[in-house]
Amino acid sequence: MIDKYTLRRQLKAARNALKPTERRHAARASLRLALRHGLLLRAQRIGFYLPQGGEFDVHPLLDRALGMGLECYLPILPRRGRVMRFGRVRHHTPMRPNRYGIPEPVDAKPLRARQLDLLLMPLVGFDLLGHRLGMGGGYYDATLAFMVHRRLWRKPRLVGVAYECQRADALPHDPWDMPLDAVLTERRLCRFNPGRHR
């Protein structure tokens, strides 16, 4: 099996090769799929992300969720460590850049990941067993470490968002890697381990 470093390089290259028109089409198509499959219906608190470096654009989903009156949150990096919190975002929420230059909501009382119902996650690659290849920073792994010990029901539901070109036949994974509940692409919503939450 190819190592994570090589896979990251290959899958990021495939993602970066997409044209702006393809990206816009994919973002609109993923919104239609998410609505058709009711992805936002069973969640009140949803974690999003702001796309960076070629990541899948979830702005249409975020805008729709805000329009539906759902509580929407964005990651806030910690001063120390890697466990993120999530700040509420509205249409005119004040934002400030974190140390990577990514805007974060200014929120005096951010939530822990366990308080979210659904978390949409960026990724570099995925396979059809629900494994996710991230950027390698370990922020999501650290933030979701509490979920490793939950066997039957766990919150939040984890949905990776990616282009179809980011799918790999099989990904290497470590014991601390949290499996996804689903992956949303421009072509499909692929669910894994149905019934895990009920």
N, C-alpha and C. Protein backbone atom coordinates (compact mmCIF):
# COMPACT_ATOMS: atom_id res chain seq x y z
N MET A 1 0.85 -1.19 0.00
CA MET A 1 0.00 0.00 0.00
C MET A 1 0.89 1.25 0.00
N ILE A 2 0.49 2.27 -0.73
CA ILE A 2 1.27 3.51 -0.82
C ILE A 2 1.22 4.23 0.53
N ASP A 3 2.32 4.87 0.92
CA ASP A 3 2.36 5.58 2.20
C ASP A 3 1.54 6.87 2.12
N LYS A 4 1.23 7.42 3.31
CA LYS A 4 0.37 8.61 3.38
C LYS A 4 0.98 9.82 2.68
N TYR A 5 2.28 9.99 2.82
CA TYR A 5 2.93 11.15 2.22
C TYR A 5 2.75 11.15 0.70
N THR A 6 3.03 9.99 0.07
CA THR A 6 2.91 9.87 -1.38
C THR A 6 1.46 10.05 -1.83
N LEU A 7 0.54 9.42 -1.10
CA LEU A 7 -0.88 9.55 -1.43
C LEU A 7 -1.34 11.01 -1.34
N ARG A 8 -0.91 11.69 -0.27
CA ARG A 8 -1.28 13.10 -0.12
C ARG A 8 -0.85 13.91 -1.34
N ARG A 9 0.40 13.68 -1.76
CA ARG A 9 0.94 14.43 -2.89
C ARG A 9 0.12 14.15 -4.16
N GLN A 10 -0.19 12.87 -4.42
CA GLN A 10 -0.93 12.49 -5.62
C GLN A 10 -2.36 13.04 -5.61
N LEU A 11 -3.04 12.90 -4.47
CA LEU A 11 -4.44 13.30 -4.40
C LEU A 11 -4.59 14.83 -4.39
N LYS A 12 -3.65 15.53 -3.77
CA LYS A 12 -3.69 16.99 -3.81
C LYS A 12 -3.44 17.49 -5.23
N ALA A 13 -2.58 16.82 -5.96
CA ALA A 13 -2.32 17.20 -7.36
C ALA A 13 -3.58 17.02 -8.20
N ALA A 14 -4.30 15.91 -7.98
CA ALA A 14 -5.54 15.67 -8.72
C ALA A 14 -6.59 16.73 -8.37
N ARG A 15 -6.68 17.07 -7.10
CA ARG A 15 -7.64 18.08 -6.66
C ARG A 15 -7.28 19.46 -7.22
N ASN A 16 -6.01 19.80 -7.21
CA ASN A 16 -5.57 21.11 -7.67
C ASN A 16 -5.69 21.27 -9.18
N ALA A 17 -5.80 20.14 -9.90
CA ALA A 17 -5.90 20.20 -11.36
C ALA A 17 -7.31 20.58 -11.83
N LEU A 18 -8.28 20.59 -10.91
CA LEU A 18 -9.65 20.93 -11.29
C LEU A 18 -9.76 22.41 -11.66
N LYS A 19 -10.54 22.68 -12.70
CA LYS A 19 -10.74 24.06 -13.15
C LYS A 19 -11.77 24.76 -12.27
N PRO A 20 -11.73 26.08 -12.20
CA PRO A 20 -12.71 26.83 -11.40
C PRO A 20 -14.16 26.51 -11.75
N THR A 21 -14.44 26.33 -13.04
CA THR A 21 -15.82 25.99 -13.42
C THR A 21 -16.22 24.62 -12.88
N GLU A 22 -15.29 23.67 -12.88
CA GLU A 22 -15.57 22.33 -12.33
C GLU A 22 -15.82 22.42 -10.84
N ARG A 23 -15.08 23.27 -10.15
CA ARG A 23 -15.26 23.43 -8.71
C ARG A 23 -16.63 24.03 -8.38
N ARG A 24 -17.03 25.04 -9.14
CA ARG A 24 -18.33 25.67 -8.91
C ARG A 24 -19.46 24.68 -9.19
N HIS A 25 -19.34 23.93 -10.28
CA HIS A 25 -20.35 22.92 -10.60
C HIS A 25 -20.44 21.87 -9.49
N ALA A 26 -19.28 21.43 -8.99
CA ALA A 26 -19.25 20.41 -7.94
C ALA A 26 -19.92 20.91 -6.66
N ALA A 27 -19.67 22.18 -6.30
CA ALA A 27 -20.26 22.74 -5.08
C ALA A 27 -21.79 22.77 -5.19
N ARG A 28 -22.31 23.16 -6.37
CA ARG A 28 -23.77 23.19 -6.55
C ARG A 28 -24.35 21.77 -6.57
N ALA A 29 -23.64 20.85 -7.21
CA ALA A 29 -24.11 19.46 -7.29
C ALA A 29 -24.15 18.82 -5.90
N SER A 30 -23.15 19.10 -5.07
CA SER A 30 -23.11 18.51 -3.73
C SER A 30 -24.26 19.04 -2.88
N LEU A 31 -24.63 20.30 -3.05
CA LEU A 31 -25.77 20.85 -2.32
C LEU A 31 -27.05 20.12 -2.71
N ARG A 32 -27.25 19.93 -4.00
CA ARG A 32 -28.46 19.20 -4.45
C ARG A 32 -28.49 17.80 -3.86
N LEU A 33 -27.36 17.11 -3.86
CA LEU A 33 -27.30 15.75 -3.30
C LEU A 33 -27.58 15.76 -1.80
N ALA A 34 -26.98 16.70 -1.10
CA ALA A 34 -27.18 16.78 0.35
C ALA A 34 -28.64 17.01 0.68
N LEU A 35 -29.31 17.87 -0.08
CA LEU A 35 -30.72 18.14 0.17
C LEU A 35 -31.59 16.94 -0.20
N ARG A 36 -31.26 16.30 -1.32
CA ARG A 36 -32.03 15.12 -1.74
C ARG A 36 -31.96 14.00 -0.71
N HIS A 37 -30.81 13.85 -0.06
CA HIS A 37 -30.62 12.77 0.92
C HIS A 37 -30.92 13.21 2.35
N GLY A 38 -31.38 14.45 2.53
CA GLY A 38 -31.76 14.90 3.86
C GLY A 38 -30.59 15.04 4.83
N LEU A 39 -29.42 15.35 4.32
CA LEU A 39 -28.22 15.39 5.17
C LEU A 39 -28.35 16.41 6.31
N LEU A 40 -29.03 17.53 6.06
CA LEU A 40 -29.13 18.58 7.07
C LEU A 40 -30.36 18.44 7.96
N LEU A 41 -31.22 17.49 7.67
CA LEU A 41 -32.52 17.45 8.34
C LEU A 41 -32.45 16.97 9.79
N ARG A 42 -31.53 16.09 10.11
CA ARG A 42 -31.49 15.53 11.47
C ARG A 42 -30.44 16.21 12.33
N ALA A 43 -30.05 17.41 11.98
CA ALA A 43 -29.02 18.12 12.73
C ALA A 43 -29.47 19.53 13.05
N GLN A 44 -29.22 19.96 14.26
CA GLN A 44 -29.49 21.35 14.64
C GLN A 44 -28.19 22.15 14.69
N ARG A 45 -27.12 21.50 15.17
CA ARG A 45 -25.81 22.15 15.25
C ARG A 45 -24.85 21.47 14.28
N ILE A 46 -24.36 22.23 13.31
CA ILE A 46 -23.53 21.65 12.26
C ILE A 46 -22.19 22.37 12.19
N GLY A 47 -21.12 21.60 12.18
CA GLY A 47 -19.78 22.15 12.00
C GLY A 47 -19.41 22.17 10.53
N PHE A 48 -18.91 23.31 10.05
CA PHE A 48 -18.45 23.47 8.68
C PHE A 48 -16.96 23.78 8.70
N TYR A 49 -16.41 24.11 7.57
CA TYR A 49 -15.03 24.59 7.47
C TYR A 49 -14.97 25.60 6.33
N LEU A 50 -13.97 26.46 6.34
CA LEU A 50 -13.76 27.38 5.22
C LEU A 50 -12.67 26.77 4.34
N PRO A 51 -12.98 26.50 3.06
CA PRO A 51 -12.03 25.78 2.20
C PRO A 51 -10.74 26.55 1.99
N GLN A 52 -9.64 25.82 2.05
CA GLN A 52 -8.30 26.38 1.85
C GLN A 52 -7.54 25.48 0.87
N GLY A 53 -6.69 26.08 0.06
CA GLY A 53 -5.77 25.30 -0.76
C GLY A 53 -6.39 24.25 -1.64
N GLY A 54 -7.52 24.57 -2.26
CA GLY A 54 -8.13 23.61 -3.18
C GLY A 54 -9.16 22.69 -2.55
N GLU A 55 -9.44 22.85 -1.24
CA GLU A 55 -10.45 22.01 -0.60
C GLU A 55 -11.83 22.28 -1.20
N PHE A 56 -12.71 21.28 -1.08
CA PHE A 56 -14.06 21.36 -1.63
C PHE A 56 -14.80 22.54 -0.98
N ASP A 57 -15.48 23.32 -1.81
CA ASP A 57 -16.18 24.52 -1.35
C ASP A 57 -17.54 24.15 -0.76
N VAL A 58 -17.70 24.36 0.55
CA VAL A 58 -18.97 24.05 1.21
C VAL A 58 -19.81 25.31 1.46
N HIS A 59 -19.43 26.45 0.86
CA HIS A 59 -20.21 27.68 1.07
C HIS A 59 -21.69 27.52 0.69
N PRO A 60 -22.04 26.86 -0.44
CA PRO A 60 -23.46 26.70 -0.74
C PRO A 60 -24.22 25.94 0.36
N LEU A 61 -23.58 24.90 0.92
CA LEU A 61 -24.20 24.15 2.02
C LEU A 61 -24.34 25.01 3.26
N LEU A 62 -23.32 25.78 3.57
CA LEU A 62 -23.36 26.66 4.74
C LEU A 62 -24.46 27.70 4.57
N ASP A 63 -24.55 28.31 3.40
CA ASP A 63 -25.59 29.31 3.15
C ASP A 63 -26.99 28.72 3.29
N ARG A 64 -27.17 27.50 2.76
CA ARG A 64 -28.49 26.85 2.85
C ARG A 64 -28.83 26.53 4.31
N ALA A 65 -27.86 26.01 5.05
CA ALA A 65 -28.10 25.67 6.46
C ALA A 65 -28.47 26.92 7.26
N LEU A 66 -27.77 28.04 7.01
CA LEU A 66 -28.11 29.29 7.68
C LEU A 66 -29.53 29.73 7.32
N GLY A 67 -29.87 29.58 6.03
CA GLY A 67 -31.21 29.94 5.58
C GLY A 67 -32.30 29.07 6.20
N MET A 68 -31.94 27.84 6.59
CA MET A 68 -32.90 26.92 7.23
C MET A 68 -33.00 27.19 8.74
N GLY A 69 -32.21 28.14 9.24
CA GLY A 69 -32.27 28.44 10.67
C GLY A 69 -31.47 27.49 11.53
N LEU A 70 -30.56 26.72 10.93
CA LEU A 70 -29.73 25.80 11.70
C LEU A 70 -28.55 26.55 12.33
N GLU A 71 -28.05 26.02 13.42
CA GLU A 71 -26.88 26.61 14.07
C GLU A 71 -25.63 26.11 13.34
N CYS A 72 -24.83 27.03 12.83
CA CYS A 72 -23.65 26.68 12.04
C CYS A 72 -22.39 27.14 12.77
N TYR A 73 -21.36 26.30 12.72
CA TYR A 73 -20.13 26.55 13.47
C TYR A 73 -18.91 26.33 12.59
N LEU A 74 -17.83 27.04 12.91
CA LEU A 74 -16.55 26.89 12.23
C LEU A 74 -15.47 26.58 13.24
N PRO A 75 -14.42 25.85 12.84
CA PRO A 75 -13.35 25.51 13.78
C PRO A 75 -12.60 26.73 14.28
N ILE A 76 -12.19 26.65 15.54
CA ILE A 76 -11.32 27.65 16.16
C ILE A 76 -10.10 26.90 16.70
N LEU A 77 -8.92 27.26 16.23
CA LEU A 77 -7.71 26.59 16.67
C LEU A 77 -7.37 26.99 18.10
N PRO A 78 -6.83 26.06 18.88
CA PRO A 78 -6.43 26.39 20.25
C PRO A 78 -5.11 27.16 20.27
N ARG A 79 -4.88 27.86 21.36
CA ARG A 79 -3.58 28.54 21.51
C ARG A 79 -2.47 27.50 21.68
N ARG A 80 -2.79 26.44 22.44
CA ARG A 80 -1.84 25.34 22.63
C ARG A 80 -2.56 24.03 22.36
N GLY A 81 -1.81 23.03 21.93
CA GLY A 81 -2.40 21.73 21.65
C GLY A 81 -3.09 21.70 20.29
N ARG A 82 -3.92 20.67 20.09
CA ARG A 82 -4.55 20.49 18.79
C ARG A 82 -6.07 20.29 18.86
N VAL A 83 -6.64 20.39 20.05
CA VAL A 83 -8.09 20.18 20.18
C VAL A 83 -8.83 21.47 19.84
N MET A 84 -9.56 21.44 18.73
CA MET A 84 -10.29 22.61 18.27
C MET A 84 -11.62 22.76 19.00
N ARG A 85 -12.09 23.99 19.09
CA ARG A 85 -13.46 24.30 19.49
C ARG A 85 -14.18 24.82 18.24
N PHE A 86 -15.48 25.07 18.38
CA PHE A 86 -16.27 25.50 17.22
C PHE A 86 -17.11 26.72 17.59
N GLY A 87 -16.88 27.81 16.83
CA GLY A 87 -17.57 29.06 17.08
C GLY A 87 -18.76 29.24 16.16
N ARG A 88 -19.83 29.80 16.70
CA ARG A 88 -21.05 29.99 15.91
C ARG A 88 -20.83 31.07 14.86
N VAL A 89 -21.37 30.83 13.67
CA VAL A 89 -21.24 31.79 12.58
C VAL A 89 -22.64 32.09 12.04
N ARG A 90 -22.86 33.39 11.79
CA ARG A 90 -24.10 33.85 11.16
C ARG A 90 -23.70 34.65 9.92
N HIS A 91 -24.65 35.30 9.28
CA HIS A 91 -24.34 35.99 8.03
C HIS A 91 -23.33 37.13 8.21
N HIS A 92 -23.33 37.78 9.37
CA HIS A 92 -22.43 38.93 9.56
C HIS A 92 -21.58 38.76 10.83
N THR A 93 -21.17 37.54 11.12
CA THR A 93 -20.35 37.28 12.30
C THR A 93 -18.95 37.89 12.14
N PRO A 94 -18.46 38.60 13.15
CA PRO A 94 -17.07 39.10 13.09
C PRO A 94 -16.09 37.93 13.02
N MET A 95 -15.07 38.06 12.17
CA MET A 95 -14.09 37.00 11.98
C MET A 95 -12.69 37.57 12.19
N ARG A 96 -11.76 36.70 12.59
CA ARG A 96 -10.35 37.09 12.66
C ARG A 96 -9.51 35.92 12.18
N PRO A 97 -8.38 36.19 11.52
CA PRO A 97 -7.55 35.10 11.00
C PRO A 97 -6.78 34.39 12.11
N ASN A 98 -6.67 33.06 11.98
CA ASN A 98 -5.84 32.31 12.92
C ASN A 98 -4.39 32.32 12.43
N ARG A 99 -3.53 31.53 13.06
CA ARG A 99 -2.10 31.58 12.71
C ARG A 99 -1.81 31.07 11.31
N TYR A 100 -2.77 30.36 10.68
CA TYR A 100 -2.60 29.93 9.30
C TYR A 100 -3.27 30.89 8.32
N GLY A 101 -3.84 31.97 8.84
CA GLY A 101 -4.52 32.93 7.98
C GLY A 101 -5.96 32.56 7.66
N ILE A 102 -6.50 31.52 8.30
CA ILE A 102 -7.87 31.08 8.04
C ILE A 102 -8.81 31.86 8.96
N PRO A 103 -9.86 32.49 8.42
CA PRO A 103 -10.79 33.24 9.27
C PRO A 103 -11.52 32.34 10.26
N GLU A 104 -11.63 32.83 11.48
CA GLU A 104 -12.37 32.13 12.54
C GLU A 104 -13.40 33.09 13.12
N PRO A 105 -14.57 32.56 13.52
CA PRO A 105 -15.57 33.43 14.15
C PRO A 105 -15.10 33.88 15.53
N VAL A 106 -15.45 35.10 15.88
CA VAL A 106 -15.17 35.60 17.22
C VAL A 106 -16.34 35.16 18.10
N ASP A 107 -16.11 34.19 18.96
CA ASP A 107 -17.17 33.60 19.77
C ASP A 107 -16.65 33.43 21.19
N ALA A 108 -17.32 34.07 22.15
CA ALA A 108 -16.86 34.02 23.54
C ALA A 108 -17.07 32.64 24.17
N LYS A 109 -18.03 31.88 23.66
CA LYS A 109 -18.34 30.57 24.25
C LYS A 109 -18.41 29.49 23.16
N PRO A 110 -17.28 29.15 22.55
CA PRO A 110 -17.30 28.12 21.50
C PRO A 110 -17.67 26.75 22.06
N LEU A 111 -18.20 25.90 21.20
CA LEU A 111 -18.61 24.55 21.59
C LEU A 111 -17.47 23.56 21.44
N ARG A 112 -17.60 22.47 22.17
CA ARG A 112 -16.73 21.31 21.95
C ARG A 112 -17.34 20.49 20.81
N ALA A 113 -16.52 19.67 20.17
CA ALA A 113 -17.01 18.85 19.05
C ALA A 113 -18.16 17.96 19.47
N ARG A 114 -18.14 17.46 20.71
CA ARG A 114 -19.19 16.54 21.17
C ARG A 114 -20.56 17.21 21.25
N GLN A 115 -20.60 18.54 21.19
CA GLN A 115 -21.87 19.25 21.25
C GLN A 115 -22.50 19.46 19.86
N LEU A 116 -21.76 19.10 18.81
CA LEU A 116 -22.29 19.20 17.45
C LEU A 116 -23.08 17.94 17.08
N ASP A 117 -24.06 18.09 16.21
CA ASP A 117 -24.80 16.93 15.70
C ASP A 117 -24.14 16.36 14.45
N LEU A 118 -23.57 17.24 13.64
CA LEU A 118 -23.00 16.86 12.35
C LEU A 118 -21.74 17.69 12.13
N LEU A 119 -20.69 17.05 11.64
CA LEU A 119 -19.44 17.76 11.36
C LEU A 119 -19.01 17.45 9.93
N LEU A 120 -18.99 18.48 9.08
CA LEU A 120 -18.49 18.36 7.72
C LEU A 120 -16.99 18.62 7.73
N MET A 121 -16.22 17.68 7.19
CA MET A 121 -14.77 17.73 7.32
C MET A 121 -14.08 17.79 5.96
N PRO A 122 -13.07 18.64 5.84
CA PRO A 122 -12.27 18.63 4.61
C PRO A 122 -11.36 17.41 4.62
N LEU A 123 -10.89 17.01 3.46
CA LEU A 123 -9.98 15.88 3.41
C LEU A 123 -9.14 15.94 2.15
N VAL A 124 -8.06 15.19 2.16
CA VAL A 124 -7.21 15.06 0.98
C VAL A 124 -7.62 13.83 0.19
N GLY A 125 -8.01 12.77 0.89
CA GLY A 125 -8.42 11.54 0.23
C GLY A 125 -9.38 10.73 1.09
N PHE A 126 -10.12 9.85 0.42
CA PHE A 126 -11.03 8.94 1.13
C PHE A 126 -11.10 7.63 0.36
N ASP A 127 -11.52 6.57 1.07
CA ASP A 127 -11.81 5.32 0.38
C ASP A 127 -13.24 4.90 0.71
N LEU A 128 -13.71 3.83 0.10
CA LEU A 128 -15.10 3.44 0.27
C LEU A 128 -15.34 2.58 1.50
N LEU A 129 -14.34 2.54 2.39
CA LEU A 129 -14.52 1.92 3.71
C LEU A 129 -14.69 2.99 4.79
N GLY A 130 -14.67 4.26 4.38
CA GLY A 130 -14.86 5.33 5.33
C GLY A 130 -13.59 5.88 5.93
N HIS A 131 -12.44 5.51 5.39
CA HIS A 131 -11.19 6.07 5.89
C HIS A 131 -10.93 7.42 5.25
N ARG A 132 -10.37 8.33 6.04
CA ARG A 132 -10.10 9.70 5.60
C ARG A 132 -8.61 9.99 5.70
N LEU A 133 -8.09 10.63 4.68
CA LEU A 133 -6.70 11.11 4.70
C LEU A 133 -6.76 12.62 4.81
N GLY A 134 -6.27 13.16 5.93
CA GLY A 134 -6.28 14.59 6.15
C GLY A 134 -4.99 15.24 5.71
N MET A 135 -4.81 16.48 6.10
CA MET A 135 -3.62 17.23 5.72
C MET A 135 -2.39 16.79 6.50
N GLY A 136 -2.59 16.10 7.61
CA GLY A 136 -1.45 15.62 8.39
C GLY A 136 -1.16 16.42 9.63
N GLY A 137 -1.96 17.48 9.88
CA GLY A 137 -1.73 18.31 11.06
C GLY A 137 -2.23 17.69 12.35
N GLY A 138 -3.18 16.76 12.25
CA GLY A 138 -3.68 16.06 13.43
C GLY A 138 -4.74 16.80 14.22
N TYR A 139 -5.23 17.93 13.71
CA TYR A 139 -6.22 18.69 14.47
C TYR A 139 -7.55 17.95 14.62
N TYR A 140 -8.04 17.39 13.53
CA TYR A 140 -9.31 16.66 13.63
C TYR A 140 -9.14 15.38 14.44
N ASP A 141 -8.01 14.68 14.29
CA ASP A 141 -7.76 13.47 15.09
C ASP A 141 -7.80 13.80 16.58
N ALA A 142 -7.11 14.86 16.98
CA ALA A 142 -7.08 15.24 18.39
C ALA A 142 -8.45 15.69 18.88
N THR A 143 -9.15 16.45 18.04
CA THR A 143 -10.46 16.99 18.41
C THR A 143 -11.49 15.88 18.59
N LEU A 144 -11.36 14.82 17.80
CA LEU A 144 -12.35 13.73 17.82
C LEU A 144 -11.88 12.50 18.59
N ALA A 145 -10.77 12.61 19.30
CA ALA A 145 -10.22 11.45 20.01
C ALA A 145 -11.22 10.85 21.00
N PHE A 146 -12.08 11.67 21.57
CA PHE A 146 -13.06 11.17 22.55
C PHE A 146 -14.01 10.14 21.93
N MET A 147 -14.16 10.16 20.60
CA MET A 147 -15.13 9.27 19.94
C MET A 147 -14.63 7.84 19.80
N VAL A 148 -13.33 7.63 19.95
CA VAL A 148 -12.76 6.29 19.76
C VAL A 148 -13.40 5.28 20.70
N HIS A 149 -13.79 5.71 21.89
CA HIS A 149 -14.31 4.78 22.90
C HIS A 149 -15.81 4.59 22.83
N ARG A 150 -16.47 5.26 21.90
CA ARG A 150 -17.92 5.10 21.77
C ARG A 150 -18.21 4.02 20.74
N ARG A 151 -18.92 3.00 21.14
CA ARG A 151 -19.14 1.84 20.28
C ARG A 151 -20.44 1.91 19.48
N LEU A 152 -21.56 2.23 20.13
CA LEU A 152 -22.85 2.10 19.45
C LEU A 152 -23.36 3.42 18.90
N TRP A 153 -23.45 4.41 19.74
CA TRP A 153 -23.99 5.70 19.31
C TRP A 153 -22.95 6.76 19.58
N ARG A 154 -22.73 7.61 18.60
CA ARG A 154 -21.75 8.68 18.83
C ARG A 154 -22.14 9.93 18.08
N LYS A 155 -21.73 11.04 18.64
CA LYS A 155 -22.03 12.34 18.08
C LYS A 155 -20.75 13.15 18.13
N PRO A 156 -20.47 13.93 17.12
CA PRO A 156 -21.27 14.21 15.92
C PRO A 156 -21.11 13.13 14.84
N ARG A 157 -22.04 13.14 13.89
CA ARG A 157 -21.84 12.34 12.68
C ARG A 157 -20.76 13.01 11.86
N LEU A 158 -19.87 12.23 11.30
CA LEU A 158 -18.72 12.75 10.57
C LEU A 158 -18.90 12.53 9.07
N VAL A 159 -18.95 13.62 8.32
CA VAL A 159 -19.14 13.54 6.87
C VAL A 159 -17.98 14.26 6.18
N GLY A 160 -17.18 13.50 5.45
CA GLY A 160 -16.11 14.09 4.66
C GLY A 160 -16.69 14.70 3.39
N VAL A 161 -16.11 15.80 2.94
CA VAL A 161 -16.57 16.45 1.71
C VAL A 161 -15.38 16.53 0.76
N ALA A 162 -15.56 15.97 -0.45
CA ALA A 162 -14.42 15.85 -1.36
C ALA A 162 -14.89 15.73 -2.80
N TYR A 163 -13.96 15.94 -3.70
CA TYR A 163 -14.21 15.66 -5.12
C TYR A 163 -14.03 14.17 -5.37
N GLU A 164 -14.72 13.66 -6.39
CA GLU A 164 -14.57 12.24 -6.74
C GLU A 164 -13.12 11.88 -7.05
N CYS A 165 -12.36 12.82 -7.60
CA CYS A 165 -10.97 12.53 -7.95
C CYS A 165 -10.10 12.29 -6.73
N GLN A 166 -10.63 12.52 -5.52
CA GLN A 166 -9.88 12.29 -4.30
C GLN A 166 -10.11 10.90 -3.71
N ARG A 167 -10.87 10.07 -4.41
CA ARG A 167 -11.12 8.72 -3.91
C ARG A 167 -9.94 7.81 -4.22
N ALA A 168 -9.53 7.04 -3.23
CA ALA A 168 -8.47 6.05 -3.39
C ALA A 168 -9.06 4.65 -3.21
N ASP A 169 -8.42 3.66 -3.82
CA ASP A 169 -8.91 2.28 -3.66
C ASP A 169 -8.84 1.85 -2.21
N ALA A 170 -7.77 2.18 -1.53
CA ALA A 170 -7.60 1.85 -0.12
C ALA A 170 -6.62 2.83 0.49
N LEU A 171 -6.92 3.28 1.70
CA LEU A 171 -6.05 4.23 2.39
C LEU A 171 -5.39 3.57 3.59
N PRO A 172 -4.12 3.87 3.84
CA PRO A 172 -3.51 3.42 5.10
C PRO A 172 -4.18 4.19 6.24
N HIS A 173 -4.38 3.52 7.37
CA HIS A 173 -5.01 4.20 8.51
C HIS A 173 -4.39 3.72 9.81
N ASP A 174 -4.44 4.58 10.79
CA ASP A 174 -3.89 4.30 12.11
C ASP A 174 -5.01 4.13 13.12
N PRO A 175 -4.71 3.54 14.29
CA PRO A 175 -5.76 3.31 15.29
C PRO A 175 -6.47 4.57 15.75
N TRP A 176 -5.78 5.72 15.71
CA TRP A 176 -6.40 6.97 16.17
C TRP A 176 -7.21 7.66 15.08
N ASP A 177 -7.18 7.16 13.84
CA ASP A 177 -7.95 7.77 12.77
C ASP A 177 -9.44 7.45 12.96
N MET A 178 -10.27 8.50 13.00
CA MET A 178 -11.71 8.29 13.16
C MET A 178 -12.33 7.99 11.80
N PRO A 179 -13.06 6.85 11.69
CA PRO A 179 -13.74 6.58 10.41
C PRO A 179 -14.89 7.54 10.19
N LEU A 180 -15.14 7.82 8.91
CA LEU A 180 -16.24 8.70 8.54
C LEU A 180 -17.56 7.93 8.54
N ASP A 181 -18.64 8.65 8.75
CA ASP A 181 -19.98 8.07 8.62
C ASP A 181 -20.47 8.16 7.18
N ALA A 182 -19.94 9.14 6.44
CA ALA A 182 -20.34 9.31 5.04
C ALA A 182 -19.34 10.22 4.34
N VAL A 183 -19.36 10.18 3.03
CA VAL A 183 -18.59 11.12 2.20
C VAL A 183 -19.55 11.73 1.19
N LEU A 184 -19.50 13.05 1.07
CA LEU A 184 -20.29 13.78 0.09
C LEU A 184 -19.36 14.28 -1.00
N THR A 185 -19.67 13.90 -2.25
CA THR A 185 -18.91 14.40 -3.39
C THR A 185 -19.89 15.07 -4.36
N GLU A 186 -19.38 15.47 -5.51
CA GLU A 186 -20.27 16.07 -6.51
C GLU A 186 -21.15 15.02 -7.18
N ARG A 187 -20.86 13.73 -6.95
CA ARG A 187 -21.62 12.66 -7.61
C ARG A 187 -22.48 11.82 -6.68
N ARG A 188 -22.16 11.80 -5.39
CA ARG A 188 -22.89 10.89 -4.51
C ARG A 188 -22.72 11.25 -3.04
N LEU A 189 -23.65 10.75 -2.24
CA LEU A 189 -23.47 10.71 -0.80
C LEU A 189 -23.32 9.24 -0.45
N CYS A 190 -22.15 8.87 -0.05
CA CYS A 190 -21.83 7.47 0.24
C CYS A 190 -21.81 7.29 1.75
N ARG A 191 -22.73 6.47 2.27
CA ARG A 191 -22.80 6.23 3.72
C ARG A 191 -22.04 4.95 4.09
N PHE A 192 -21.44 4.97 5.27
CA PHE A 192 -20.72 3.80 5.78
C PHE A 192 -21.36 3.36 7.10
N ASN A 193 -21.28 2.06 7.37
CA ASN A 193 -21.79 1.52 8.64
C ASN A 193 -23.18 2.05 8.99
N PRO A 194 -24.18 1.80 8.13
CA PRO A 194 -25.51 2.31 8.43
C PRO A 194 -26.03 1.71 9.73
N GLY A 195 -26.78 2.52 10.49
CA GLY A 195 -27.34 2.05 11.74
C GLY A 195 -26.43 2.22 12.93
N ARG A 196 -25.23 2.79 12.72
CA ARG A 196 -24.30 2.94 13.84
C ARG A 196 -24.87 3.87 14.90
N HIS A 197 -25.72 4.81 14.49
CA HIS A 197 -26.20 5.83 15.44
C HIS A 197 -27.52 5.47 16.09
N ARG A 198 -28.18 4.47 15.61
CA ARG A 198 -29.51 4.19 16.17
C ARG A 198 -29.55 2.76 16.68
